[in-house]
PDB file of N, CA and C in Angstrom:
ATOM      1  N   MET A   1      95.502  87.141 137.533  1.00  0.00           N
ATOM      2  CA  MET A   1      94.741  87.934 138.387  1.00  0.00           C
ATOM      3  C   MET A   1      95.617  88.386 139.617  1.00  0.00           C
ATOM      4  N   LEU A   2      96.453  87.278 140.024  1.00  0.00           N
ATOM      5  CA  LEU A   2      97.325  87.720 141.237  1.00  0.00           C
ATOM      6  C   LEU A   2      98.232  88.810 140.760  1.00  0.00           C
ATOM      7  N   THR A   3      98.891  88.530 139.649  1.00  0.00           N
ATOM      8  CA  THR A   3     100.055  89.547 139.068  1.00  0.00           C
ATOM      9  C   THR A   3      99.344  90.940 138.921  1.00  0.00           C
ATOM     10  N   MET A   4      98.100  90.994 138.358  1.00  0.00           N
ATOM     11  CA  MET A   4      97.426  92.332 138.283  1.00  0.00           C
ATOM     12  C   MET A   4      97.242  92.910 139.743  1.00  0.00           C
ATOM     13  N   SER A   5      96.923  92.248 140.642  1.00  0.00           N
ATOM     14  CA  SER A   5      96.721  92.803 141.947  1.00  0.00           C
ATOM     15  C   SER A   5      97.850  93.390 142.660  1.00  0.00           C
ATOM     16  N   LEU A   6      99.181  92.615 142.396  1.00  0.00           N
ATOM     17  CA  LEU A   6     100.495  92.998 142.871  1.00  0.00           C
ATOM     18  C   LEU A   6     100.913  94.215 142.150  1.00  0.00           C
ATOM     19  N   LEU A   7     100.732  94.134 140.653  1.00  0.00           N
ATOM     20  CA  LEU A   7     100.981  95.324 139.792  1.00  0.00           C
ATOM     21  C   LEU A   7     100.165  96.645 140.179  1.00  0.00           C
ATOM     22  N   THR A   8      98.999  96.563 140.590  1.00  0.00           N
ATOM     23  CA  THR A   8      98.177  97.764 141.111  1.00  0.00           C
ATOM     24  C   THR A   8      98.823  98.278 142.364  1.00  0.00           C
ATOM     25  N   GLY A   9      99.125  97.481 143.312  1.00  0.00           N
ATOM     26  CA  GLY A   9      99.932  97.902 144.571  1.00  0.00           C
ATOM     27  C   GLY A   9     101.308  98.527 144.274  1.00  0.00           C
ATOM     28  N   VAL A  10     102.038  97.892 143.559  1.00  0.00           N
ATOM     29  CA  VAL A  10     103.391  98.331 143.137  1.00  0.00           C
ATOM     30  C   VAL A  10     103.269  99.810 142.472  1.00  0.00           C
ATOM     31  N   SER A  11     102.342  99.907 141.372  1.00  0.00           N
ATOM     32  CA  SER A  11     102.099 101.230 140.830  1.00  0.00           C
ATOM     33  C   SER A  11     101.620 102.231 141.773  1.00  0.00           C
ATOM     34  N   ARG A  12     100.816 101.788 142.736  1.00  0.00           N
ATOM     35  CA  ARG A  12     100.307 102.925 143.496  1.00  0.00           C
ATOM     36  C   ARG A  12     101.387 103.499 144.462  1.00  0.00           C
ATOM     37  N   MET A  13     102.351 102.547 144.799  1.00  0.00           N
ATOM     38  CA  MET A  13     103.372 102.903 145.771  1.00  0.00           C
ATOM     39  C   MET A  13     104.380 103.783 144.783  1.00  0.00           C
ATOM     40  N   SER A  14     104.826 103.271 143.851  1.00  0.00           N
ATOM     41  CA  SER A  14     105.888 103.881 142.955  1.00  0.00           C
ATOM     42  C   SER A  14     105.386 105.339 142.447  1.00  0.00           C
ATOM     43  N   ARG A  15     104.247 105.514 142.158  1.00  0.00           N
ATOM     44  CA  ARG A  15     103.526 106.602 141.644  1.00  0.00           C
ATOM     45  C   ARG A  15     102.900 107.557 142.758  1.00  0.00           C
ATOM     46  N   LYS A  16     102.979 107.031 143.943  1.00  0.00           N
ATOM     47  CA  LYS A  16     102.292 107.754 144.941  1.00  0.00           C
ATOM     48  C   LYS A  16     100.917 108.241 144.744  1.00  0.00           C
ATOM     49  N   ALA A  17     100.208 107.360 144.358  1.00  0.00           N
ATOM     50  CA  ALA A  17      98.741 107.515 143.920  1.00  0.00           C
ATOM     51  C   ALA A  17      97.903 106.637 144.872  1.00  0.00           C
ATOM     52  N   PHE A  18      97.343 107.174 145.892  1.00  0.00           N
ATOM     53  CA  PHE A  18      96.587 106.297 146.889  1.00  0.00           C
ATOM     54  C   PHE A  18      95.140 106.530 146.815  1.00  0.00           C
ATOM     55  N   GLU A  19      94.360 105.711 147.206  1.00  0.00           N
ATOM     56  CA  GLU A  19      92.882 105.942 147.339  1.00  0.00           C
ATOM     57  C   GLU A  19      92.415 106.143 148.725  1.00  0.00           C
ATOM     58  N   ASN A  20      93.154 105.744 149.890  1.00  0.00           N
ATOM     59  CA  ASN A  20      92.899 105.947 151.037  1.00  0.00           C
ATOM     60  C   ASN A  20      94.044 106.620 151.791  1.00  0.00           C
ATOM     61  N   LEU A  21      93.440 107.541 152.837  1.00  0.00           N
ATOM     62  CA  LEU A  21      94.534 108.420 153.530  1.00  0.00           C
ATOM     63  C   LEU A  21      95.425 107.507 154.420  1.00  0.00           C
ATOM     64  N   GLU A  22      94.902 106.540 155.031  1.00  0.00           N
ATOM     65  CA  GLU A  22      95.814 105.539 155.763  1.00  0.00           C
ATOM     66  C   GLU A  22      96.924 104.903 154.876  1.00  0.00           C
ATOM     67  N   ASP A  23      96.835 104.804 153.517  1.00  0.00           N
ATOM     68  CA  ASP A  23      97.578 104.154 152.764  1.00  0.00           C
ATOM     69  C   ASP A  23      98.827 105.161 152.492  1.00  0.00           C
ATOM     70  N   SER A  24      98.602 106.374 152.643  1.00  0.00           N
ATOM     71  CA  SER A  24      99.545 107.526 152.179  1.00  0.00           C
ATOM     72  C   SER A  24     100.382 108.108 153.176  1.00  0.00           C
ATOM     73  N   LYS A  25      99.992 107.627 154.578  1.00  0.00           N
ATOM     74  CA  LYS A  25     100.681 108.274 155.532  1.00  0.00           C
ATOM     75  C   LYS A  25     102.076 107.899 155.777  1.00  0.00           C
ATOM     76  N   HIS A  26     102.641 106.974 155.175  1.00  0.00           N
ATOM     77  CA  HIS A  26     104.098 106.535 155.224  1.00  0.00           C
ATOM     78  C   HIS A  26     104.794 107.329 154.341  1.00  0.00           C
ATOM     79  N   THR A  27     104.216 108.224 153.436  1.00  0.00           N
ATOM     80  CA  THR A  27     104.984 108.937 152.401  1.00  0.00           C
ATOM     81  C   THR A  27     105.662 110.127 152.729  1.00  0.00           C
ATOM     82  N   SER A  28     105.037 111.066 153.457  1.00  0.00           N
ATOM     83  CA  SER A  28     105.674 112.316 153.922  1.00  0.00           C
ATOM     84  C   SER A  28     104.608 113.037 154.735  1.00  0.00           C
ATOM     85  N   PRO A  29     105.009 113.982 155.477  1.00  0.00           N
ATOM     86  CA  PRO A  29     104.115 114.843 156.349  1.00  0.00           C
ATOM     87  C   PRO A  29     102.997 115.355 155.633  1.00  0.00           C
ATOM     88  N   ASP A  30     103.070 115.815 154.405  1.00  0.00           N
ATOM     89  CA  ASP A  30     102.083 116.323 153.576  1.00  0.00           C
ATOM     90  C   ASP A  30     101.452 115.225 152.663  1.00  0.00           C
ATOM     91  N   HIS A  31     101.131 114.168 153.305  1.00  0.00           N
ATOM     92  CA  HIS A  31     100.718 112.929 152.603  1.00  0.00           C
ATOM     93  C   HIS A  31      99.283 113.213 151.976  1.00  0.00           C
ATOM     94  N   HIS A  32      98.515 114.320 152.486  1.00  0.00           N
ATOM     95  CA  HIS A  32      97.160 114.259 151.741  1.00  0.00           C
ATOM     96  C   HIS A  32      97.319 114.523 150.235  1.00  0.00           C
ATOM     97  N   LYS A  33      98.383 115.033 149.694  1.00  0.00           N
ATOM     98  CA  LYS A  33      98.386 115.521 148.278  1.00  0.00           C
ATOM     99  C   LYS A  33      98.485 114.165 147.517  1.00  0.00           C
ATOM    100  N   TYR A  34      98.894 112.876 148.248  1.00  0.00           N
ATOM    101  CA  TYR A  34      98.931 111.669 147.482  1.00  0.00           C
ATOM    102  C   TYR A  34      97.596 110.920 147.277  1.00  0.00           C
ATOM    103  N   ILE A  35      96.630 111.405 147.813  1.00  0.00           N
ATOM    104  CA  ILE A  35      95.236 110.858 147.534  1.00  0.00           C
ATOM    105  C   ILE A  35      94.768 111.321 146.254  1.00  0.00           C
ATOM    106  N   ARG A  36      95.047 110.713 145.300  1.00  0.00           N
ATOM    107  CA  ARG A  36      94.654 111.070 143.871  1.00  0.00           C
ATOM    108  C   ARG A  36      94.575 109.903 142.966  1.00  0.00           C
ATOM    109  N   LYS A  37      94.078 110.114 141.836  1.00  0.00           N
ATOM    110  CA  LYS A  37      93.963 109.199 140.886  1.00  0.00           C
ATOM    111  C   LYS A  37      95.125 109.343 139.769  1.00  0.00           C
ATOM    112  N   ASP A  38      95.903 108.192 139.461  1.00  0.00           N
ATOM    113  CA  ASP A  38      96.808 108.395 138.451  1.00  0.00           C
ATOM    114  C   ASP A  38      96.347 107.472 137.360  1.00  0.00           C
ATOM    115  N   PRO A  39      96.463 108.124 136.111  1.00  0.00           N
ATOM    116  CA  PRO A  39      95.932 107.513 134.802  1.00  0.00           C
ATOM    117  C   PRO A  39      96.346 106.011 134.727  1.00  0.00           C
ATOM    118  N   PHE A  40      97.782 105.804 134.935  1.00  0.00           N
ATOM    119  CA  PHE A  40      98.331 104.452 134.804  1.00  0.00           C
ATOM    120  C   PHE A  40      97.778 103.422 135.822  1.00  0.00           C
ATOM    121  N   VAL A  41      97.842 103.907 137.056  1.00  0.00           N
ATOM    122  CA  VAL A  41      97.259 103.070 137.996  1.00  0.00           C
ATOM    123  C   VAL A  41      95.721 102.616 137.803  1.00  0.00           C
ATOM    124  N   GLU A  42      95.075 103.610 137.329  1.00  0.00           N
ATOM    125  CA  GLU A  42      93.765 103.456 137.029  1.00  0.00           C
ATOM    126  C   GLU A  42      93.493 102.321 135.831  1.00  0.00           C
ATOM    127  N   ARG A  43      94.443 102.489 134.845  1.00  0.00           N
ATOM    128  CA  ARG A  43      94.399 101.718 133.841  1.00  0.00           C
ATOM    129  C   ARG A  43      94.683 100.293 134.113  1.00  0.00           C
ATOM    130  N   ILE A  44      95.781  99.933 135.224  1.00  0.00           N
ATOM    131  CA  ILE A  44      95.929  98.635 135.631  1.00  0.00           C
ATOM    132  C   ILE A  44      94.902  98.134 136.464  1.00  0.00           C
ATOM    133  N   ARG A  45      94.030  99.057 137.281  1.00  0.00           N
ATOM    134  CA  ARG A  45      92.922  98.596 138.202  1.00  0.00           C
ATOM    135  C   ARG A  45      91.809  98.102 137.267  1.00  0.00           C
ATOM    136  N   ARG A  46      91.621  98.864 136.110  1.00  0.00           N
ATOM    137  CA  ARG A  46      90.505  98.572 135.305  1.00  0.00           C
ATOM    138  C   ARG A  46      90.853  97.091 134.594  1.00  0.00           C
ATOM    139  N   CYS A  47      92.106  97.044 134.132  1.00  0.00           N
ATOM    140  CA  CYS A  47      92.393  95.747 133.641  1.00  0.00           C
ATOM    141  C   CYS A  47      92.228  94.586 134.483  1.00  0.00           C
ATOM    142  N   HIS A  48      92.421  94.777 135.764  1.00  0.00           N
ATOM    143  CA  HIS A  48      92.308  93.958 136.845  1.00  0.00           C
ATOM    144  C   HIS A  48      90.872  93.516 137.070  1.00  0.00           C
ATOM    145  N   LEU A  49      90.167  94.630 137.095  1.00  0.00           N
ATOM    146  CA  LEU A  49      88.571  94.292 137.151  1.00  0.00           C
ATOM    147  C   LEU A  49      88.037  93.501 135.949  1.00  0.00           C
ATOM    148  N   ASN A  50      88.648  93.882 134.698  1.00  0.00           N
ATOM    149  CA  ASN A  50      88.249  93.191 133.496  1.00  0.00           C
ATOM    150  C   ASN A  50      88.595  91.637 133.759  1.00  0.00           C
ATOM    151  N   ASP A  51      89.693  91.388 134.220  1.00  0.00           N
ATOM    152  CA  ASP A  51      90.072  89.985 134.550  1.00  0.00           C
ATOM    153  C   ASP A  51      89.226  89.183 135.467  1.00  0.00           C
ATOM    154  N   LEU A  52      88.783  89.939 136.555  1.00  0.00           N
ATOM    155  CA  LEU A  52      87.744  89.447 137.310  1.00  0.00           C
ATOM    156  C   LEU A  52      86.433  89.060 136.904  1.00  0.00           C
ATOM    157  N   GLU A  53      86.101  90.028 136.129  1.00  0.00           N
ATOM    158  CA  GLU A  53      84.681  89.717 135.477  1.00  0.00           C
ATOM    159  C   GLU A  53      84.744  88.629 134.345  1.00  0.00           C
ATOM    160  N   ASN A  54      85.854  88.346 133.844  1.00  0.00           N
ATOM    161  CA  ASN A  54      85.976  87.245 132.800  1.00  0.00           C
ATOM    162  C   ASN A  54      86.619  85.839 133.159  1.00  0.00           C
ATOM    163  N   ILE A  55      87.567  85.960 134.068  1.00  0.00           N
ATOM    164  CA  ILE A  55      88.278  84.825 134.467  1.00  0.00           C
ATOM    165  C   ILE A  55      87.464  83.928 135.406  1.00  0.00           C
ATOM    166  N   ILE A  56      86.863  84.601 136.452  1.00  0.00           N
ATOM    167  CA  ILE A  56      86.058  83.898 137.477  1.00  0.00           C
ATOM    168  C   ILE A  56      84.822  83.046 136.868  1.00  0.00           C
ATOM    169  N   PRO A  57      84.004  83.754 135.985  1.00  0.00           N
ATOM    170  CA  PRO A  57      83.028  82.843 135.113  1.00  0.00           C
ATOM    171  C   PRO A  57      83.682  81.788 134.446  1.00  0.00           C
ATOM    172  N   PHE A  58      84.784  82.059 133.618  1.00  0.00           N
ATOM    173  CA  PHE A  58      85.427  80.957 132.881  1.00  0.00           C
ATOM    174  C   PHE A  58      85.858  79.857 133.752  1.00  0.00           C
ATOM    175  N   LEU A  59      86.263  80.085 134.999  1.00  0.00           N
ATOM    176  CA  LEU A  59      86.663  78.988 135.876  1.00  0.00           C
ATOM    177  C   LEU A  59      85.439  78.196 136.262  1.00  0.00           C
ATOM    178  N   ILE A  60      84.350  78.900 136.688  1.00  0.00           N
ATOM    179  CA  ILE A  60      83.200  78.048 137.083  1.00  0.00           C
ATOM    180  C   ILE A  60      82.579  77.324 135.967  1.00  0.00           C
ATOM    181  N   ILE A  61      82.486  77.921 134.855  1.00  0.00           N
ATOM    182  CA  ILE A  61      81.994  77.329 133.631  1.00  0.00           C
ATOM    183  C   ILE A  61      82.777  76.095 133.152  1.00  0.00           C
ATOM    184  N   GLY A  62      84.289  76.274 133.291  1.00  0.00           N
ATOM    185  CA  GLY A  62      85.363  75.488 132.798  1.00  0.00           C
ATOM    186  C   GLY A  62      85.243  74.042 133.847  1.00  0.00           C
ATOM    187  N   ILE A  63      84.843  74.194 135.029  1.00  0.00           N
ATOM    188  CA  ILE A  63      84.664  73.117 136.041  1.00  0.00           C
ATOM    189  C   ILE A  63      83.458  72.348 135.598  1.00  0.00           C
ATOM    190  N   LEU A  64      82.325  73.028 135.141  1.00  0.00           N
ATOM    191  CA  LEU A  64      81.235  72.344 134.827  1.00  0.00           C
ATOM    192  C   LEU A  64      81.367  71.623 133.512  1.00  0.00           C
ATOM    193  N   TYR A  65      82.142  72.236 132.627  1.00  0.00           N
ATOM    194  CA  TYR A  65      82.382  71.708 131.255  1.00  0.00           C
ATOM    195  C   TYR A  65      83.262  70.613 131.451  1.00  0.00           C
ATOM    196  N   ILE A  66      84.084  70.420 132.287  1.00  0.00           N
ATOM    197  CA  ILE A  66      85.045  69.253 132.578  1.00  0.00           C
ATOM    198  C   ILE A  66      84.165  68.070 133.237  1.00  0.00           C
ATOM    199  N   LEU A  67      83.111  68.369 133.974  1.00  0.00           N
ATOM    200  CA  LEU A  67      82.385  67.480 134.381  1.00  0.00           C
ATOM    201  C   LEU A  67      81.405  66.674 133.460  1.00  0.00           C
ATOM    202  N   THR A  68      81.340  67.478 132.225  1.00  0.00           N
ATOM    203  CA  THR A  68      80.488  66.796 131.213  1.00  0.00           C
ATOM    204  C   THR A  68      81.311  65.626 130.465  1.00  0.00           C
ATOM    205  N   GLY A  69      82.522  65.749 130.685  1.00  0.00           N
ATOM    206  CA  GLY A  69      83.427  64.634 130.049  1.00  0.00           C
ATOM    207  C   GLY A  69      83.621  64.940 128.645  1.00  0.00           C
ATOM    208  N   PRO A  70      84.182  66.079 128.331  1.00  0.00           N
ATOM    209  CA  PRO A  70      84.516  66.486 126.971  1.00  0.00           C
ATOM    210  C   PRO A  70      85.792  65.690 126.418  1.00  0.00           C
ATOM    211  N   SER A  71      86.118  65.650 125.195  1.00  0.00           N
ATOM    212  CA  SER A  71      87.362  65.121 124.798  1.00  0.00           C
ATOM    213  C   SER A  71      88.502  65.833 125.354  1.00  0.00           C
ATOM    214  N   VAL A  72      89.536  65.209 125.655  1.00  0.00           N
ATOM    215  CA  VAL A  72      90.745  66.090 126.153  1.00  0.00           C
ATOM    216  C   VAL A  72      91.139  67.022 125.164  1.00  0.00           C
ATOM    217  N   TYR A  73      91.054  66.725 123.830  1.00  0.00           N
ATOM    218  CA  TYR A  73      91.559  67.641 122.795  1.00  0.00           C
ATOM    219  C   TYR A  73      90.808  68.792 122.864  1.00  0.00           C
ATOM    220  N   ALA A  74      89.435  68.754 122.898  1.00  0.00           N
ATOM    221  CA  ALA A  74      88.513  69.983 122.860  1.00  0.00           C
ATOM    222  C   ALA A  74      88.748  70.903 124.046  1.00  0.00           C
ATOM    223  N   ALA A  75      88.792  70.065 125.241  1.00  0.00           N
ATOM    224  CA  ALA A  75      88.978  70.851 126.531  1.00  0.00           C
ATOM    225  C   ALA A  75      90.307  71.512 126.628  1.00  0.00           C
ATOM    226  N   THR A  76      91.372  70.862 126.113  1.00  0.00           N
ATOM    227  CA  THR A  76      92.679  71.485 125.976  1.00  0.00           C
ATOM    228  C   THR A  76      92.612  72.915 125.136  1.00  0.00           C
ATOM    229  N   TRP A  77      92.031  72.632 123.978  1.00  0.00           N
ATOM    230  CA  TRP A  77      91.937  73.907 123.067  1.00  0.00           C
ATOM    231  C   TRP A  77      91.122  75.006 123.619  1.00  0.00           C
ATOM    232  N   HIS A  78      90.001  74.627 124.301  1.00  0.00           N
ATOM    233  CA  HIS A  78      89.211  75.671 124.918  1.00  0.00           C
ATOM    234  C   HIS A  78      90.056  76.474 126.017  1.00  0.00           C
ATOM    235  N   PHE A  79      90.897  75.714 126.823  1.00  0.00           N
ATOM    236  CA  PHE A  79      91.555  76.432 127.941  1.00  0.00           C
ATOM    237  C   PHE A  79      92.663  77.134 127.227  1.00  0.00           C
ATOM    238  N   ARG A  80      93.429  76.535 126.339  1.00  0.00           N
ATOM    239  CA  ARG A  80      94.633  77.325 125.703  1.00  0.00           C
ATOM    240  C   ARG A  80      94.107  78.559 125.068  1.00  0.00           C
ATOM    241  N   ILE A  81      93.179  78.549 124.366  1.00  0.00           N
ATOM    242  CA  ILE A  81      92.705  79.782 123.550  1.00  0.00           C
ATOM    243  C   ILE A  81      92.322  80.739 124.643  1.00  0.00           C
ATOM    244  N   PHE A  82      91.528  80.428 125.633  1.00  0.00           N
ATOM    245  CA  PHE A  82      91.135  81.222 126.533  1.00  0.00           C
ATOM    246  C   PHE A  82      92.314  82.084 127.255  1.00  0.00           C
ATOM    247  N   VAL A  83      93.343  81.174 127.625  1.00  0.00           N
ATOM    248  CA  VAL A  83      94.540  81.748 128.353  1.00  0.00           C
ATOM    249  C   VAL A  83      95.336  82.738 127.408  1.00  0.00           C
ATOM    250  N   VAL A  84      95.444  82.296 126.244  1.00  0.00           N
ATOM    251  CA  VAL A  84      96.178  83.093 125.156  1.00  0.00           C
ATOM    252  C   VAL A  84      95.425  84.587 125.115  1.00  0.00           C
ATOM    253  N   SER A  85      94.093  84.482 124.957  1.00  0.00           N
ATOM    254  CA  SER A  85      93.272  85.566 124.712  1.00  0.00           C
ATOM    255  C   SER A  85      93.377  86.486 125.873  1.00  0.00           C
ATOM    256  N   ARG A  86      93.479  86.159 127.012  1.00  0.00           N
ATOM    257  CA  ARG A  86      93.437  86.924 128.318  1.00  0.00           C
ATOM    258  C   ARG A  86      94.880  87.522 128.317  1.00  0.00           C
ATOM    259  N   PHE A  87      95.951  86.821 127.964  1.00  0.00           N
ATOM    260  CA  PHE A  87      97.337  87.314 127.985  1.00  0.00           C
ATOM    261  C   PHE A  87      97.330  88.565 126.933  1.00  0.00           C
ATOM    262  N   ILE A  88      96.778  88.315 125.656  1.00  0.00           N
ATOM    263  CA  ILE A  88      96.763  89.404 124.845  1.00  0.00           C
ATOM    264  C   ILE A  88      95.985  90.517 125.239  1.00  0.00           C
ATOM    265  N   HIS A  89      94.738  90.274 125.858  1.00  0.00           N
ATOM    266  CA  HIS A  89      94.014  91.262 126.507  1.00  0.00           C
ATOM    267  C   HIS A  89      94.742  92.189 127.370  1.00  0.00           C
ATOM    268  N   THR A  90      95.372  91.472 128.413  1.00  0.00           N
ATOM    269  CA  THR A  90      96.263  92.308 129.254  1.00  0.00           C
ATOM    270  C   THR A  90      97.263  93.193 128.669  1.00  0.00           C
ATOM    271  N   ILE A  91      97.973  92.514 127.850  1.00  0.00           N
ATOM    272  CA  ILE A  91      99.101  93.330 127.121  1.00  0.00           C
ATOM    273  C   ILE A  91      98.502  94.470 126.398  1.00  0.00           C
ATOM    274  N   ALA A  92      97.519  94.265 125.692  1.00  0.00           N
ATOM    275  CA  ALA A  92      96.776  95.261 124.918  1.00  0.00           C
ATOM    276  C   ALA A  92      96.229  96.426 125.801  1.00  0.00           C
ATOM    277  N   TYR A  93      95.815  95.927 126.818  1.00  0.00           N
ATOM    278  CA  TYR A  93      95.278  96.962 127.875  1.00  0.00           C
ATOM    279  C   TYR A  93      96.291  97.886 128.617  1.00  0.00           C
ATOM    280  N   LEU A  94      97.540  97.328 128.824  1.00  0.00           N
ATOM    281  CA  LEU A  94      98.447  97.852 129.568  1.00  0.00           C
ATOM    282  C   LEU A  94      99.403  98.717 128.793  1.00  0.00           C
ATOM    283  N   LEU A  95      99.617  98.326 127.507  1.00  0.00           N
ATOM    284  CA  LEU A  95     100.480  99.063 126.727  1.00  0.00           C
ATOM    285  C   LEU A  95     100.137 100.384 126.246  1.00  0.00           C
ATOM    286  N   PRO A  96      99.135 100.922 125.847  1.00  0.00           N
ATOM    287  CA  PRO A  96      97.911 100.289 125.302  1.00  0.00           C
ATOM    288  C   PRO A  96      98.037 100.138 123.803  1.00  0.00           C
ATOM    289  N   LEU A  97      97.500  99.101 123.327  1.00  0.00           N
ATOM    290  CA  LEU A  97      97.605  98.735 121.818  1.00  0.00           C
ATOM    291  C   LEU A  97      96.265  99.249 121.254  1.00  0.00           C
ATOM    292  N   PRO A  98      96.359  99.628 120.079  1.00  0.00           N
ATOM    293  CA  PRO A  98      95.072 100.322 119.373  1.00  0.00           C
ATOM    294  C   PRO A  98      93.873  99.228 119.228  1.00  0.00           C
ATOM    295  N   GLN A  99      92.726  99.874 119.277  1.00  0.00           N
ATOM    296  CA  GLN A  99      91.568  98.889 119.239  1.00  0.00           C
ATOM    297  C   GLN A  99      91.522  98.634 117.768  1.00  0.00           C
ATOM    298  N   PRO A 100      90.942  97.484 117.337  1.00  0.00           N
ATOM    299  CA  PRO A 100      90.158  96.395 118.190  1.00  0.00           C
ATOM    300  C   PRO A 100      90.986  95.341 118.779  1.00  0.00           C
ATOM    301  N   THR A 101      92.234  95.438 118.973  1.00  0.00           N
ATOM    302  CA  THR A 101      92.999  94.436 119.530  1.00  0.00           C
ATOM    303  C   THR A 101      92.520  93.957 121.070  1.00  0.00           C
ATOM    304  N   ARG A 102      92.371  94.939 121.842  1.00  0.00           N
ATOM    305  CA  ARG A 102      91.686  94.481 123.170  1.00  0.00           C
ATOM    306  C   ARG A 102      90.253  93.989 123.064  1.00  0.00           C
ATOM    307  N   PHE A 103      89.454  94.444 122.223  1.00  0.00           N
ATOM    308  CA  PHE A 103      88.210  93.983 122.045  1.00  0.00           C
ATOM    309  C   PHE A 103      88.276  92.568 121.527  1.00  0.00           C
ATOM    310  N   THR A 104      88.941  92.352 120.381  1.00  0.00           N
ATOM    311  CA  THR A 104      89.152  91.077 119.753  1.00  0.00           C
ATOM    312  C   THR A 104      89.587  90.073 120.900  1.00  0.00           C
ATOM    313  N   ALA A 105      90.561  90.345 121.682  1.00  0.00           N
ATOM    314  CA  ALA A 105      91.068  89.411 122.619  1.00  0.00           C
ATOM    315  C   ALA A 105      89.994  89.027 123.531  1.00  0.00           C
ATOM    316  N   MET A 106      89.262  90.121 123.955  1.00  0.00           N
ATOM    317  CA  MET A 106      88.039  89.860 125.019  1.00  0.00           C
ATOM    318  C   MET A 106      87.123  89.036 124.503  1.00  0.00           C
ATOM    319  N   TYR A 107      86.840  89.195 123.170  1.00  0.00           N
ATOM    320  CA  TYR A 107      85.580  88.621 122.417  1.00  0.00           C
ATOM    321  C   TYR A 107      85.873  87.205 122.407  1.00  0.00           C
ATOM    322  N   VAL A 108      87.247  86.938 121.889  1.00  0.00           N
ATOM    323  CA  VAL A 108      87.662  85.362 121.609  1.00  0.00           C
ATOM    324  C   VAL A 108      87.509  84.703 123.139  1.00  0.00           C
ATOM    325  N   GLY A 109      87.823  85.223 124.218  1.00  0.00           N
ATOM    326  CA  GLY A 109      87.756  84.654 125.522  1.00  0.00           C
ATOM    327  C   GLY A 109      86.303  84.379 125.791  1.00  0.00           C
ATOM    328  N   TRP A 110      85.442  85.354 125.508  1.00  0.00           N
ATOM    329  CA  TRP A 110      83.994  85.269 125.752  1.00  0.00           C
ATOM    330  C   TRP A 110      83.455  84.150 124.916  1.00  0.00           C
ATOM    331  N   CYS A 111      83.834  84.090 123.585  1.00  0.00           N
ATOM    332  CA  CYS A 111      83.477  83.077 122.878  1.00  0.00           C
ATOM    333  C   CYS A 111      83.846  81.720 123.293  1.00  0.00           C
ATOM    334  N   VAL A 112      84.898  81.404 123.786  1.00  0.00           N
ATOM    335  CA  VAL A 112      85.227  80.088 124.558  1.00  0.00           C
ATOM    336  C   VAL A 112      84.471  79.940 125.697  1.00  0.00           C
ATOM    337  N   THR A 113      84.198  80.850 126.508  1.00  0.00           N
ATOM    338  CA  THR A 113      83.351  80.520 127.748  1.00  0.00           C
ATOM    339  C   THR A 113      81.865  80.344 127.235  1.00  0.00           C
ATOM    340  N   ALA A 114      81.624  80.828 126.130  1.00  0.00           N
ATOM    341  CA  ALA A 114      80.084  80.685 125.724  1.00  0.00           C
ATOM    342  C   ALA A 114      80.109  79.265 124.925  1.00  0.00           C
ATOM    343  N   SER A 115      81.108  78.755 124.280  1.00  0.00           N
ATOM    344  CA  SER A 115      81.254  77.386 123.774  1.00  0.00           C
ATOM    345  C   SER A 115      81.069  76.402 124.874  1.00  0.00           C
ATOM    346  N   MET A 116      81.693  76.628 125.815  1.00  0.00           N
ATOM    347  CA  MET A 116      81.746  75.672 126.999  1.00  0.00           C
ATOM    348  C   MET A 116      80.395  75.641 127.591  1.00  0.00           C
ATOM    349  N   SER A 117      79.841  76.811 127.668  1.00  0.00           N
ATOM    350  CA  SER A 117      78.423  76.846 128.383  1.00  0.00           C
ATOM    351  C   SER A 117      77.431  76.050 127.522  1.00  0.00           C
ATOM    352  N   VAL A 118      77.464  76.373 126.310  1.00  0.00           N
ATOM    353  CA  VAL A 118      76.572  75.478 125.234  1.00  0.00           C
ATOM    354  C   VAL A 118      76.784  74.041 125.557  1.00  0.00           C
ATOM    355  N   GLN A 119      78.133  73.602 125.424  1.00  0.00           N
ATOM    356  CA  GLN A 119      78.340  72.149 125.566  1.00  0.00           C
ATOM    357  C   GLN A 119      77.738  71.694 126.968  1.00  0.00           C
ATOM    358  N   CYS A 120      77.935  72.313 127.934  1.00  0.00           N
ATOM    359  CA  CYS A 120      77.303  72.033 129.276  1.00  0.00           C
ATOM    360  C   CYS A 120      75.739  71.825 129.068  1.00  0.00           C
ATOM    361  N   LEU A 121      75.087  72.898 128.402  1.00  0.00           N
ATOM    362  CA  LEU A 121      73.626  72.892 128.213  1.00  0.00           C
ATOM    363  C   LEU A 121      73.201  71.629 127.364  1.00  0.00           C
ATOM    364  N   ARG A 122      74.074  71.584 126.289  1.00  0.00           N
ATOM    365  CA  ARG A 122      73.505  70.338 125.300  1.00  0.00           C
ATOM    366  C   ARG A 122      73.743  68.945 125.983  1.00  0.00           C
ATOM    367  N   ILE A 123      74.807  68.757 126.813  1.00  0.00           N
ATOM    368  CA  ILE A 123      74.835  67.442 127.655  1.00  0.00           C
ATOM    369  C   ILE A 123      73.596  67.257 128.502  1.00  0.00           C
ATOM    370  N   GLY A 124      73.154  68.460 129.126  1.00  0.00           N
ATOM    371  CA  GLY A 124      71.994  68.442 129.907  1.00  0.00           C
ATOM    372  C   GLY A 124      72.044  67.942 131.392  1.00  0.00           C
ATOM    373  N   GLN A 125      73.431  68.027 131.790  1.00  0.00           N
ATOM    374  CA  GLN A 125      73.708  67.409 133.087  1.00  0.00           C
ATOM    375  C   GLN A 125      73.722  68.653 134.109  1.00  0.00           C
ATOM    376  N   PHE A 126      73.443  69.863 133.739  1.00  0.00           N
ATOM    377  CA  PHE A 126      73.480  71.104 134.524  1.00  0.00           C
ATOM    378  C   PHE A 126      72.269  71.819 134.231  1.00  0.00           C
TER     379      PHE A 126
END
């Protein structure tokens, strides 16, 4: 998520595609023309938003899942699969790779989060 935030900022600067007038003032005297949407910057921004929508719930549920005392093996595989699915999702989003690559990666990560949620509910501690 931190990398996507940095990548969004760097892309805005390099492509001179700003959202706010004050951000464009350092570019040139006619900086108003740089208040625009760039398709690549928007793609990065949407990818970052998707990370926020999926990673934050995973982290919260992951903490609850760990508190249920799962086996180290099961927990490790849940976390590994989720991380790999998010890396694949990000790559598929930024390149862009043909669908259903991105959807499949997102769905795998969602299934991992759902699996941990079910385990938390089964244990009944939450």
